[in-house]
N, C-alpha and C. Protein backbone atom coordinates (compact mmCIF):
# COMPACT_ATOMS: atom_id res chain seq x y z
N UNK A 1 0.81 -1.17 -0.01
CA UNK A 1 -0.04 0.02 0.00
C UNK A 1 0.87 1.21 0.04
N UNK A 2 1.89 1.21 0.79
CA UNK A 2 2.83 2.39 0.86
C UNK A 2 3.49 2.59 -0.52
N UNK A 3 3.86 1.57 -1.22
CA UNK A 3 4.44 1.70 -2.56
C UNK A 3 3.54 2.35 -3.55
N UNK A 4 2.25 1.92 -3.51
CA UNK A 4 1.26 2.49 -4.43
C UNK A 4 1.07 3.97 -4.14
N UNK A 5 0.95 4.32 -2.90
CA UNK A 5 0.77 5.73 -2.52
C UNK A 5 1.98 6.60 -2.94
N UNK A 6 3.15 6.06 -2.74
CA UNK A 6 4.36 6.84 -3.03
C UNK A 6 4.49 7.05 -4.57
N UNK A 7 4.05 6.03 -5.35
CA UNK A 7 4.10 6.14 -6.79
C UNK A 7 3.11 7.18 -7.27
N UNK A 8 1.94 7.16 -6.71
CA UNK A 8 0.91 8.20 -7.04
C UNK A 8 1.41 9.60 -6.73
N UNK A 9 2.04 9.68 -5.56
CA UNK A 9 2.55 11.01 -5.12
C UNK A 9 3.66 11.49 -6.09
N UNK A 10 4.54 10.56 -6.43
CA UNK A 10 5.63 10.90 -7.36
C UNK A 10 5.12 11.37 -8.73
N UNK A 11 4.14 10.64 -9.22
CA UNK A 11 3.54 10.97 -10.51
C UNK A 11 2.83 12.34 -10.43
N UNK A 12 2.22 12.61 -9.35
CA UNK A 12 1.51 13.90 -9.13
C UNK A 12 2.58 15.05 -9.11
N UNK A 13 3.70 14.82 -8.50
CA UNK A 13 4.77 15.80 -8.38
C UNK A 13 5.37 16.02 -9.76
N UNK A 14 5.57 14.98 -10.60
CA UNK A 14 6.06 15.10 -11.97
C UNK A 14 5.10 16.00 -12.78
N UNK A 15 3.77 15.69 -12.68
CA UNK A 15 2.82 16.52 -13.38
C UNK A 15 2.80 17.99 -12.96
N UNK A 16 2.96 18.21 -11.67
CA UNK A 16 2.95 19.62 -11.12
C UNK A 16 4.23 20.31 -11.63
N UNK A 17 5.38 19.64 -11.65
CA UNK A 17 6.60 20.21 -12.16
C UNK A 17 6.46 20.55 -13.63
N UNK A 18 5.80 19.68 -14.42
CA UNK A 18 5.61 19.95 -15.85
C UNK A 18 4.74 21.20 -16.03
N UNK A 19 3.67 21.27 -15.28
CA UNK A 19 2.71 22.44 -15.45
C UNK A 19 3.47 23.72 -15.02
N UNK A 20 4.26 23.65 -13.95
CA UNK A 20 5.02 24.87 -13.54
C UNK A 20 6.04 25.28 -14.65
N UNK A 21 6.68 24.33 -15.23
CA UNK A 21 7.66 24.65 -16.27
C UNK A 21 6.91 25.30 -17.51
N UNK A 22 5.78 24.74 -17.91
CA UNK A 22 5.01 25.29 -19.02
C UNK A 22 4.60 26.74 -18.68
N UNK A 23 4.15 26.94 -17.46
CA UNK A 23 3.72 28.28 -17.06
C UNK A 23 4.88 29.25 -17.08
N UNK A 24 6.04 28.80 -16.60
CA UNK A 24 7.25 29.64 -16.66
C UNK A 24 7.64 29.98 -18.06
N UNK A 25 7.62 29.06 -18.98
CA UNK A 25 7.98 29.33 -20.32
C UNK A 25 7.02 30.23 -21.06
N UNK A 26 5.69 30.04 -20.71
CA UNK A 26 4.70 30.98 -21.27
C UNK A 26 4.90 32.39 -20.81
N UNK A 27 5.14 32.55 -19.54
CA UNK A 27 5.41 33.90 -18.94
C UNK A 27 6.63 34.52 -19.55
N UNK A 28 7.68 33.72 -19.76
CA UNK A 28 8.91 34.22 -20.38
C UNK A 28 8.64 34.69 -21.86
N UNK A 29 7.87 33.91 -22.58
CA UNK A 29 7.51 34.31 -23.97
C UNK A 29 6.68 35.60 -24.01
N UNK A 30 5.77 35.75 -23.10
CA UNK A 30 4.95 36.99 -23.03
C UNK A 30 5.87 38.20 -22.66
N UNK A 31 6.79 38.04 -21.76
CA UNK A 31 7.70 39.11 -21.41
C UNK A 31 8.58 39.50 -22.55
N UNK A 32 9.08 38.54 -23.34
CA UNK A 32 9.89 38.87 -24.51
C UNK A 32 9.06 39.64 -25.51
N UNK A 33 7.83 39.16 -25.73
CA UNK A 33 6.92 39.79 -26.76
C UNK A 33 6.66 41.22 -26.31
N UNK A 34 6.40 41.47 -25.02
CA UNK A 34 6.03 42.81 -24.51
C UNK A 34 7.30 43.72 -24.70
N UNK A 35 8.44 43.19 -24.45
CA UNK A 35 9.69 43.94 -24.64
C UNK A 35 9.85 44.41 -26.05
N UNK A 36 9.60 43.53 -27.02
CA UNK A 36 9.69 43.90 -28.41
C UNK A 36 8.62 44.86 -28.84
N UNK A 37 7.41 44.65 -28.24
CA UNK A 37 6.27 45.47 -28.58
C UNK A 37 6.52 46.90 -28.13
N UNK A 38 7.25 47.07 -27.07
CA UNK A 38 7.48 48.41 -26.49
C UNK A 38 8.34 49.21 -27.52
N UNK A 39 9.03 48.59 -28.39
CA UNK A 39 9.88 49.29 -29.36
C UNK A 39 9.12 49.79 -30.55
N UNK A 40 7.83 49.42 -30.68
CA UNK A 40 7.03 49.92 -31.83
C UNK A 40 6.68 51.42 -31.59
N UNK A 41 7.12 52.29 -32.53
CA UNK A 41 6.91 53.67 -32.30
C UNK A 41 5.50 54.21 -32.66
N UNK A 42 4.82 53.57 -33.57
CA UNK A 42 3.48 54.01 -34.00
C UNK A 42 2.47 53.62 -32.88
N UNK A 43 1.87 54.53 -32.18
CA UNK A 43 1.00 54.14 -31.06
C UNK A 43 -0.25 53.39 -31.51
N UNK A 44 -0.84 53.70 -32.64
CA UNK A 44 -1.97 53.00 -33.19
C UNK A 44 -1.68 51.53 -33.50
N UNK A 45 -0.56 51.38 -34.13
CA UNK A 45 -0.10 49.98 -34.52
C UNK A 45 0.20 49.21 -33.21
N UNK A 46 0.89 49.85 -32.31
CA UNK A 46 1.23 49.17 -31.04
C UNK A 46 -0.04 48.76 -30.28
N UNK A 47 -1.07 49.61 -30.22
CA UNK A 47 -2.30 49.34 -29.57
C UNK A 47 -3.04 48.10 -30.22
N UNK A 48 -3.02 48.11 -31.56
CA UNK A 48 -3.63 47.05 -32.27
C UNK A 48 -2.95 45.70 -31.99
N UNK A 49 -1.63 45.73 -31.99
CA UNK A 49 -0.88 44.53 -31.72
C UNK A 49 -1.09 44.06 -30.28
N UNK A 50 -1.06 45.02 -29.40
CA UNK A 50 -1.36 44.66 -27.97
C UNK A 50 -2.73 44.03 -27.81
N UNK A 51 -3.75 44.54 -28.49
CA UNK A 51 -5.09 43.97 -28.38
C UNK A 51 -5.14 42.60 -28.93
N UNK A 52 -4.48 42.37 -30.12
CA UNK A 52 -4.46 41.09 -30.71
C UNK A 52 -3.71 40.08 -29.89
N UNK A 53 -2.62 40.56 -29.28
CA UNK A 53 -1.80 39.65 -28.39
C UNK A 53 -2.68 39.24 -27.18
N UNK A 54 -3.40 40.20 -26.61
CA UNK A 54 -4.24 39.84 -25.44
C UNK A 54 -5.29 38.80 -25.88
N UNK A 55 -5.86 38.99 -27.06
CA UNK A 55 -6.83 37.99 -27.51
C UNK A 55 -6.25 36.58 -27.69
N UNK A 56 -5.03 36.60 -28.20
CA UNK A 56 -4.39 35.27 -28.36
C UNK A 56 -4.06 34.64 -27.02
N UNK A 57 -3.66 35.42 -26.06
CA UNK A 57 -3.33 34.89 -24.75
C UNK A 57 -4.57 34.39 -24.07
N UNK A 58 -5.65 35.13 -24.17
CA UNK A 58 -6.85 34.83 -23.44
C UNK A 58 -7.80 33.77 -24.15
N UNK A 59 -7.56 33.51 -25.43
CA UNK A 59 -8.40 32.56 -26.18
C UNK A 59 -7.93 31.15 -25.77
N UNK A 60 -8.90 30.34 -25.37
CA UNK A 60 -8.58 28.90 -24.98
C UNK A 60 -8.00 28.17 -26.19
N UNK A 61 -7.12 27.21 -25.85
CA UNK A 61 -6.46 26.43 -26.94
C UNK A 61 -7.52 25.78 -27.81
N UNK A 62 -7.27 25.90 -29.14
CA UNK A 62 -8.15 25.27 -30.09
C UNK A 62 -9.28 26.22 -30.56
N UNK A 63 -9.54 27.30 -29.85
CA UNK A 63 -10.62 28.20 -30.30
C UNK A 63 -10.02 29.27 -31.26
N UNK A 64 -10.78 29.73 -32.17
CA UNK A 64 -10.30 30.75 -33.10
C UNK A 64 -10.49 32.06 -32.48
N UNK A 65 -9.40 32.94 -32.56
CA UNK A 65 -9.60 34.34 -32.08
C UNK A 65 -10.58 35.08 -32.94
N UNK A 66 -11.03 36.21 -32.46
CA UNK A 66 -12.06 36.98 -33.18
C UNK A 66 -11.54 37.34 -34.58
N UNK A 67 -10.32 37.78 -34.74
CA UNK A 67 -9.71 38.01 -35.97
C UNK A 67 -8.23 37.68 -35.86
N UNK A 68 -7.63 37.25 -36.99
CA UNK A 68 -6.25 36.82 -36.93
C UNK A 68 -5.38 38.06 -37.06
N UNK A 69 -4.37 38.24 -36.21
CA UNK A 69 -3.48 39.41 -36.24
C UNK A 69 -2.81 39.59 -37.56
N UNK A 70 -2.42 38.54 -38.27
CA UNK A 70 -1.80 38.68 -39.58
C UNK A 70 -2.64 39.36 -40.59
N UNK A 71 -3.97 39.07 -40.53
CA UNK A 71 -4.89 39.73 -41.45
C UNK A 71 -4.99 41.22 -41.17
N UNK A 72 -5.05 41.56 -39.90
CA UNK A 72 -5.19 42.99 -39.56
C UNK A 72 -3.94 43.75 -39.86
N UNK A 73 -2.78 43.22 -39.53
CA UNK A 73 -1.54 43.90 -39.73
C UNK A 73 -1.08 43.92 -41.16
N UNK A 74 -1.54 43.00 -42.00
CA UNK A 74 -1.16 42.95 -43.41
C UNK A 74 -1.72 44.14 -44.11
N UNK A 75 -2.84 44.64 -43.67
CA UNK A 75 -3.45 45.86 -44.28
C UNK A 75 -2.69 47.17 -43.97
N UNK A 76 -2.07 47.15 -42.86
CA UNK A 76 -1.32 48.36 -42.46
C UNK A 76 -2.30 49.33 -41.77
N UNK A 77 -1.71 50.25 -41.04
CA UNK A 77 -2.62 51.15 -40.28
C UNK A 77 -3.42 52.09 -41.11
N UNK A 78 -3.01 52.48 -42.31
CA UNK A 78 -3.70 53.42 -43.17
C UNK A 78 -4.46 52.84 -44.28
N UNK A 79 -4.36 51.48 -44.42
CA UNK A 79 -5.05 50.85 -45.60
C UNK A 79 -6.51 50.78 -45.36
N UNK A 80 -7.27 50.75 -46.45
CA UNK A 80 -8.72 50.59 -46.36
C UNK A 80 -9.01 49.09 -46.32
N UNK A 81 -10.20 48.82 -45.72
CA UNK A 81 -10.59 47.41 -45.74
C UNK A 81 -10.99 47.03 -47.13
N UNK A 82 -10.80 45.75 -47.49
CA UNK A 82 -11.20 45.35 -48.86
C UNK A 82 -12.69 45.36 -49.00
N UNK A 83 -13.18 45.81 -50.16
CA UNK A 83 -14.64 45.83 -50.39
C UNK A 83 -15.18 44.47 -50.74
N UNK A 84 -16.36 44.22 -50.36
CA UNK A 84 -16.98 42.93 -50.83
C UNK A 84 -17.47 43.13 -52.20
N UNK A 85 -17.74 42.01 -52.90
CA UNK A 85 -18.11 42.07 -54.33
C UNK A 85 -19.45 42.76 -54.47
N UNK A 86 -20.28 42.89 -53.43
CA UNK A 86 -21.61 43.47 -53.59
C UNK A 86 -21.58 44.98 -53.43
N UNK A 87 -20.51 45.61 -53.10
CA UNK A 87 -20.41 47.07 -52.91
C UNK A 87 -20.13 47.73 -54.28
N UNK A 88 -20.74 48.87 -54.43
CA UNK A 88 -20.48 49.60 -55.67
C UNK A 88 -19.17 50.39 -55.58
N UNK A 89 -18.42 50.38 -56.65
CA UNK A 89 -17.12 51.13 -56.60
C UNK A 89 -17.40 52.51 -57.12
N UNK A 90 -16.62 53.47 -56.62
CA UNK A 90 -16.91 54.79 -57.08
C UNK A 90 -16.15 55.74 -56.42
């Protein structure tokens, strides 16, 4: 009985250590991203990237974010949104 309990305890400690390591690595990645983000001089672009980063961090694994950051940033801060085929050009 003691052997079984010690094995369960050891396995629980291994899982806890794995979770702590993942949390530490995630925190480290966020800190590096924030450091790089602070170097963006355009305040509007920086705010957009911050908002998208927050959405990515807060979105559960496997769920799609509201919009993909690559799509938003590819347009650039001054670009117009693409028109749908139903809109009249003019």
